[in-house]
């Protein structure tokens, strides 16, 4: 059984996206080393994966913002309904 944990804070998604962008940019900065070693395909794959992971982290951050705003809207509508019923 997995322990129940709260969802990660928004800042963690942004930090992870920043790290992935940093790693991807380092791959591009050291591209001549990939070329000299004859490993250009590895460079393409790792750079693309870092970009993909950064986009996934940003997407997770956006979903968290969207989910929180939907929850707040539901709470407001419940309060209005409860106020109208009373």
N, C-alpha and C. Protein backbone atom coordinates (compact mmCIF):
# COMPACT_ATOMS: atom_id res chain seq x y z
N UNK A 1 0.84 -1.17 0.00
CA UNK A 1 0.00 0.00 0.00
C UNK A 1 0.89 1.25 0.00
N UNK A 2 0.57 2.18 -0.85
CA UNK A 2 1.36 3.40 -0.94
C UNK A 2 0.88 4.42 0.08
N UNK A 3 1.81 5.12 0.73
CA UNK A 3 1.38 6.15 1.67
C UNK A 3 0.77 7.33 0.91
N UNK A 4 -0.20 7.93 1.52
CA UNK A 4 -0.86 9.07 0.89
C UNK A 4 0.00 10.31 1.09
N UNK A 5 0.28 11.00 0.01
CA UNK A 5 1.11 12.20 0.07
C UNK A 5 0.40 13.34 -0.63
N UNK A 6 0.66 14.55 -0.20
CA UNK A 6 0.09 15.69 -0.93
C UNK A 6 0.78 15.85 -2.29
N UNK A 7 0.09 16.47 -3.20
CA UNK A 7 0.67 16.72 -4.52
C UNK A 7 1.87 17.66 -4.38
N UNK A 8 2.85 17.54 -5.26
CA UNK A 8 4.02 18.42 -5.17
C UNK A 8 3.61 19.87 -5.40
N UNK A 9 4.31 20.77 -4.75
CA UNK A 9 4.02 22.20 -4.90
C UNK A 9 4.36 22.64 -6.32
N UNK A 10 3.74 23.73 -6.73
CA UNK A 10 3.94 24.25 -8.08
C UNK A 10 5.41 24.58 -8.33
N UNK A 11 6.09 25.06 -7.32
CA UNK A 11 7.48 25.45 -7.50
C UNK A 11 8.36 24.27 -7.90
N UNK A 12 8.00 23.06 -7.49
CA UNK A 12 8.79 21.88 -7.86
C UNK A 12 8.67 21.59 -9.35
N UNK A 13 7.49 21.79 -9.92
CA UNK A 13 7.33 21.58 -11.36
C UNK A 13 8.18 22.59 -12.14
N UNK A 14 8.16 23.84 -11.68
CA UNK A 14 8.93 24.87 -12.37
C UNK A 14 10.43 24.63 -12.21
N UNK A 15 10.86 24.18 -11.03
CA UNK A 15 12.27 23.88 -10.81
C UNK A 15 12.72 22.72 -11.69
N UNK A 16 11.89 21.68 -11.79
CA UNK A 16 12.23 20.53 -12.62
C UNK A 16 12.30 20.94 -14.09
N UNK A 17 11.39 21.79 -14.54
CA UNK A 17 11.43 22.26 -15.92
C UNK A 17 12.70 23.07 -16.18
N UNK A 18 13.09 23.90 -15.21
CA UNK A 18 14.31 24.70 -15.37
C UNK A 18 15.55 23.80 -15.45
N UNK A 19 15.58 22.76 -14.63
CA UNK A 19 16.73 21.83 -14.66
C UNK A 19 16.78 21.12 -16.01
N UNK A 20 15.65 20.69 -16.52
CA UNK A 20 15.64 20.00 -17.81
C UNK A 20 16.09 20.93 -18.93
N UNK A 21 15.65 22.19 -18.88
CA UNK A 21 16.09 23.15 -19.90
C UNK A 21 17.59 23.40 -19.78
N UNK A 22 18.09 23.46 -18.55
CA UNK A 22 19.53 23.65 -18.35
C UNK A 22 20.31 22.47 -18.94
N UNK A 23 19.88 21.25 -18.64
CA UNK A 23 20.58 20.08 -19.16
C UNK A 23 20.51 20.01 -20.68
N UNK A 24 19.37 20.36 -21.25
CA UNK A 24 19.25 20.37 -22.71
C UNK A 24 20.15 21.41 -23.34
N UNK A 25 20.25 22.58 -22.72
CA UNK A 25 21.11 23.62 -23.28
C UNK A 25 22.59 23.25 -23.14
N UNK A 26 22.94 22.52 -22.08
CA UNK A 26 24.32 22.05 -21.94
C UNK A 26 24.63 21.06 -23.05
N UNK A 27 23.69 20.20 -23.39
CA UNK A 27 23.89 19.28 -24.51
C UNK A 27 24.19 20.06 -25.79
N UNK A 28 23.45 21.13 -26.02
CA UNK A 28 23.67 21.92 -27.23
C UNK A 28 24.99 22.67 -27.17
N UNK A 29 25.36 23.14 -25.97
CA UNK A 29 26.63 23.86 -25.83
C UNK A 29 27.82 22.95 -26.10
N UNK A 30 27.71 21.70 -25.73
CA UNK A 30 28.80 20.75 -25.94
C UNK A 30 28.59 19.89 -27.18
N UNK A 31 27.82 20.39 -28.13
CA UNK A 31 27.52 19.63 -29.33
C UNK A 31 28.77 19.21 -30.11
N UNK A 32 29.80 20.05 -30.18
CA UNK A 32 31.01 19.61 -30.91
C UNK A 32 31.61 18.32 -30.36
N UNK A 33 31.49 18.08 -29.06
CA UNK A 33 32.01 16.85 -28.50
C UNK A 33 31.20 15.63 -28.96
N UNK A 34 29.88 15.81 -29.08
CA UNK A 34 29.06 14.73 -29.63
C UNK A 34 29.50 14.41 -31.06
N UNK A 35 29.73 15.47 -31.84
CA UNK A 35 30.11 15.27 -33.24
C UNK A 35 31.47 14.60 -33.37
N UNK A 36 32.44 15.07 -32.58
CA UNK A 36 33.79 14.50 -32.66
C UNK A 36 33.81 13.02 -32.25
N UNK A 37 32.95 12.66 -31.30
CA UNK A 37 32.91 11.27 -30.84
C UNK A 37 32.04 10.39 -31.73
N UNK A 38 31.41 11.00 -32.73
CA UNK A 38 30.53 10.23 -33.62
C UNK A 38 29.24 9.80 -32.93
N UNK A 39 28.79 10.61 -31.98
CA UNK A 39 27.59 10.27 -31.20
C UNK A 39 26.49 11.31 -31.40
N UNK A 40 26.36 11.81 -32.60
CA UNK A 40 25.34 12.84 -32.87
C UNK A 40 23.94 12.33 -32.57
N UNK A 41 23.67 11.06 -32.88
CA UNK A 41 22.34 10.51 -32.63
C UNK A 41 22.01 10.54 -31.14
N UNK A 42 22.99 10.23 -30.32
CA UNK A 42 22.79 10.27 -28.86
C UNK A 42 22.50 11.71 -28.43
N UNK A 43 23.20 12.66 -29.01
CA UNK A 43 22.96 14.07 -28.69
C UNK A 43 21.57 14.51 -29.06
N UNK A 44 21.10 14.08 -30.25
CA UNK A 44 19.74 14.42 -30.66
C UNK A 44 18.71 13.85 -29.69
N UNK A 45 18.90 12.60 -29.34
CA UNK A 45 17.93 11.93 -28.47
C UNK A 45 17.91 12.56 -27.08
N UNK A 46 19.07 12.80 -26.50
CA UNK A 46 19.09 13.37 -25.15
C UNK A 46 18.56 14.80 -25.14
N UNK A 47 18.91 15.60 -26.13
CA UNK A 47 18.40 16.97 -26.18
C UNK A 47 16.87 16.97 -26.35
N UNK A 48 16.37 16.08 -27.21
CA UNK A 48 14.92 15.99 -27.42
C UNK A 48 14.21 15.51 -26.15
N UNK A 49 14.81 14.56 -25.45
CA UNK A 49 14.18 14.08 -24.21
C UNK A 49 14.17 15.15 -23.13
N UNK A 50 15.25 15.92 -23.03
CA UNK A 50 15.25 17.01 -22.05
C UNK A 50 14.16 18.03 -22.37
N UNK A 51 14.00 18.34 -23.65
CA UNK A 51 12.94 19.27 -24.05
C UNK A 51 11.57 18.68 -23.75
N UNK A 52 11.38 17.40 -24.02
CA UNK A 52 10.11 16.74 -23.74
C UNK A 52 9.80 16.77 -22.24
N UNK A 53 10.79 16.43 -21.41
CA UNK A 53 10.57 16.42 -19.97
C UNK A 53 10.26 17.83 -19.44
N UNK A 54 10.91 18.84 -20.00
CA UNK A 54 10.62 20.21 -19.59
C UNK A 54 9.18 20.57 -19.94
N UNK A 55 8.74 20.19 -21.14
CA UNK A 55 7.36 20.47 -21.54
C UNK A 55 6.35 19.72 -20.66
N UNK A 56 6.69 18.48 -20.31
CA UNK A 56 5.79 17.72 -19.43
C UNK A 56 5.69 18.35 -18.05
N UNK A 57 6.79 18.86 -17.53
CA UNK A 57 6.76 19.53 -16.24
C UNK A 57 5.93 20.82 -16.31
N UNK A 58 6.07 21.56 -17.39
CA UNK A 58 5.27 22.78 -17.54
C UNK A 58 3.80 22.44 -17.70
N UNK A 59 3.51 21.35 -18.38
CA UNK A 59 2.12 20.90 -18.52
C UNK A 59 1.54 20.50 -17.16
N UNK A 60 2.33 19.79 -16.36
CA UNK A 60 1.88 19.41 -15.01
C UNK A 60 1.63 20.65 -14.17
N UNK A 61 2.47 21.67 -14.32
CA UNK A 61 2.28 22.92 -13.59
C UNK A 61 0.99 23.60 -14.03
N UNK A 62 0.73 23.63 -15.34
CA UNK A 62 -0.49 24.24 -15.85
C UNK A 62 -1.72 23.48 -15.35
N UNK A 63 -1.66 22.15 -15.35
CA UNK A 63 -2.79 21.36 -14.86
C UNK A 63 -3.06 21.64 -13.39
N UNK A 64 -2.00 21.83 -12.62
CA UNK A 64 -2.17 22.12 -11.19
C UNK A 64 -2.86 23.47 -11.01
N UNK A 65 -2.48 24.46 -11.79
CA UNK A 65 -3.12 25.78 -11.71
C UNK A 65 -4.58 25.65 -12.10
N UNK A 66 -4.86 24.94 -13.20
CA UNK A 66 -6.22 24.78 -13.69
C UNK A 66 -7.08 24.04 -12.66
N UNK A 67 -6.54 23.00 -12.05
CA UNK A 67 -7.29 22.22 -11.07
C UNK A 67 -7.63 23.08 -9.86
N UNK A 68 -6.66 23.87 -9.39
CA UNK A 68 -6.91 24.73 -8.23
C UNK A 68 -7.99 25.77 -8.54
N UNK A 69 -7.95 26.35 -9.74
CA UNK A 69 -8.95 27.36 -10.09
C UNK A 69 -10.34 26.73 -10.21
N UNK A 70 -10.42 25.49 -10.72
CA UNK A 70 -11.70 24.81 -10.80
C UNK A 70 -12.24 24.50 -9.41
N UNK A 71 -11.36 24.09 -8.50
CA UNK A 71 -11.80 23.79 -7.14
C UNK A 71 -12.29 25.05 -6.45
N UNK A 72 -11.62 26.17 -6.66
CA UNK A 72 -12.05 27.43 -6.06
C UNK A 72 -13.39 27.86 -6.63
N UNK A 73 -13.60 27.67 -7.92
CA UNK A 73 -14.88 28.03 -8.54
C UNK A 73 -16.01 27.18 -7.98
N UNK A 74 -15.75 25.89 -7.75
CA UNK A 74 -16.78 25.02 -7.16
C UNK A 74 -17.11 25.45 -5.74
N UNK A 75 -16.09 25.83 -4.96
CA UNK A 75 -16.35 26.26 -3.60
C UNK A 75 -17.18 27.53 -3.57
N UNK A 76 -16.90 28.46 -4.48
CA UNK A 76 -17.67 29.69 -4.56
C UNK A 76 -19.11 29.39 -4.93
N UNK A 77 -19.32 28.50 -5.91
CA UNK A 77 -20.68 28.18 -6.32
C UNK A 77 -21.43 27.45 -5.21
N UNK A 78 -20.75 26.59 -4.44
CA UNK A 78 -21.40 25.93 -3.30
C UNK A 78 -21.82 26.93 -2.25
N UNK A 79 -20.96 27.89 -1.99
CA UNK A 79 -21.30 28.91 -0.99
C UNK A 79 -22.51 29.72 -1.45
N UNK A 80 -22.58 30.01 -2.74
CA UNK A 80 -23.73 30.75 -3.25
C UNK A 80 -25.00 29.93 -3.12
N UNK A 81 -24.92 28.63 -3.43
CA UNK A 81 -26.08 27.76 -3.32
C UNK A 81 -26.49 27.63 -1.86
N UNK A 82 -25.54 27.41 -0.97
CA UNK A 82 -25.85 27.28 0.44
C UNK A 82 -26.45 28.58 0.98
N UNK A 83 -25.95 29.72 0.54
CA UNK A 83 -26.50 31.00 0.97
C UNK A 83 -27.92 31.21 0.46
N UNK A 84 -28.21 30.70 -0.74
CA UNK A 84 -29.55 30.86 -1.30
C UNK A 84 -30.54 29.92 -0.62
N UNK A 85 -30.05 28.76 -0.18
CA UNK A 85 -30.94 27.79 0.46
C UNK A 85 -31.33 28.26 1.84
N UNK A 86 -30.40 28.88 2.55
CA UNK A 86 -30.66 29.31 3.94
C UNK A 86 -31.59 30.42 3.98
